[in-house]
Protein backbone atom coordinates (compact mmCIF):
# COMPACT_ATOMS: atom_id res chain seq x y z
CA MET A 1 12.56 -18.29 7.75
CA THR A 2 13.09 -22.01 8.02
CA THR A 3 10.99 -24.51 9.93
CA ASP A 4 13.82 -24.74 12.49
CA GLU A 5 13.59 -21.01 13.08
CA LEU A 6 9.82 -21.18 13.48
CA ASN A 7 10.20 -24.04 15.95
CA ALA A 8 12.75 -22.03 17.97
CA ILE A 9 10.39 -19.05 18.05
CA TRP A 10 7.50 -21.27 19.12
CA GLU A 11 9.57 -22.77 21.96
CA ARG A 12 10.45 -19.31 23.23
CA MET A 13 6.86 -18.11 22.97
CA GLU A 14 5.64 -21.09 25.01
CA LYS A 15 7.73 -19.83 27.92
CA LEU A 16 5.94 -16.47 27.96
CA ASN A 17 2.80 -15.83 29.94
CA PRO A 18 -0.50 -16.16 28.04
CA LYS A 19 -1.04 -12.41 27.84
CA ASN A 20 2.29 -11.90 26.06
CA GLN A 21 1.67 -14.91 23.84
CA ASP A 22 -1.65 -13.40 22.75
CA MET A 23 0.00 -10.04 22.12
CA ILE A 24 2.72 -11.57 19.93
CA ALA A 25 0.20 -13.75 18.08
CA LYS A 26 -1.94 -10.70 17.34
CA LYS A 27 1.06 -8.80 15.96
CA ILE A 28 2.12 -11.75 13.81
CA LEU A 29 -1.42 -12.08 12.41
CA GLU A 30 -1.53 -8.34 11.66
CA GLU A 31 1.78 -8.60 9.79
CA ILE A 32 0.58 -11.60 7.81
CA GLU A 33 -2.64 -9.78 6.89
CA ALA A 34 -0.69 -6.71 5.77
CA MET A 35 1.58 -8.87 3.63
CA GLU A 36 -1.41 -10.63 2.08
CA TRP A 37 -2.94 -7.25 1.15
CA ASP A 38 0.40 -6.13 -0.31
CA GLU A 39 0.52 -9.25 -2.45
CA ILE A 40 -3.06 -8.67 -3.65
CA TRP A 41 -2.25 -5.06 -4.61
CA ASP A 42 0.99 -6.11 -6.33
CA GLU A 43 -0.89 -8.69 -8.38
CA THR A 44 -3.65 -6.20 -9.19
CA PHE A 45 -1.28 -3.49 -10.40
CA ALA A 46 0.73 -5.99 -12.43
CA SER A 47 -2.33 -7.28 -14.28
CA PRO A 48 -2.66 -6.51 -18.00
CA GLU A 49 -5.95 -4.71 -17.33
CA SER A 50 -4.37 -2.44 -14.74
CA ARG A 51 -1.42 -1.68 -17.01
CA ALA A 52 -3.77 -0.86 -19.89
CA PHE A 53 -5.87 1.40 -17.66
CA SER A 54 -2.75 3.19 -16.38
CA ALA A 55 -1.43 3.74 -19.91
CA LYS A 56 -4.81 5.12 -21.06
CA ARG A 57 -5.11 7.38 -18.02
CA ARG A 58 -1.54 8.62 -18.56
CA GLU A 59 -2.44 9.67 -22.10
CA GLU A 60 -5.56 11.45 -20.82
CA VAL A 61 -3.60 13.32 -18.15
CA ILE A 62 -0.95 14.46 -20.64
CA ALA A 63 -3.68 15.65 -23.02
CA GLU A 64 -5.40 17.59 -20.21
CA HIS A 65 -2.11 19.23 -19.29
CA LEU A 66 -1.27 20.14 -22.89
CA ALA A 67 -4.78 21.61 -23.27
CA GLY A 68 -4.14 23.87 -20.27
CA GLU A 69 -6.68 22.11 -18.08
CA THR A 70 -4.30 21.58 -15.15
CA LEU A 71 -3.06 23.84 -12.38
CA LEU A 72 0.53 24.19 -11.24
CA TYR A 73 0.94 23.23 -7.59
CA THR A 74 4.11 24.43 -5.91
CA GLY A 75 3.03 23.79 -2.33
CA GLY A 76 0.97 25.80 0.08
CA SER A 77 -2.77 25.81 0.52
CA LEU A 78 -4.78 23.36 -1.56
CA ALA A 79 -7.90 25.42 -0.76
CA LYS A 80 -6.36 28.42 -2.54
CA LEU A 81 -5.27 26.24 -5.44
CA PHE A 82 -8.80 24.97 -6.03
CA GLN A 83 -10.26 28.47 -5.84
CA GLN A 84 -8.30 29.39 -8.97
CA GLU A 85 -10.01 29.28 -12.32
CA VAL A 86 -8.59 27.09 -15.03
């Protein structure tokens, strides 16, 4: 969004009553906060450390599966699934 667009939004918001202005401001702040968290998570998962951890964990999971240490889940009750013996 350009500065002109932000200015146009601001002008329209100024015409609203204070209650509606507060409501819109709160929603905008919530959206900004959510986007900031998304950016933090994106950066975290893209880090070399995170990629290395994921690759190592992937190898561990495959080894567990090949060793027969996993259960097949085809839907249904998770309680029943976890009552099974491996």
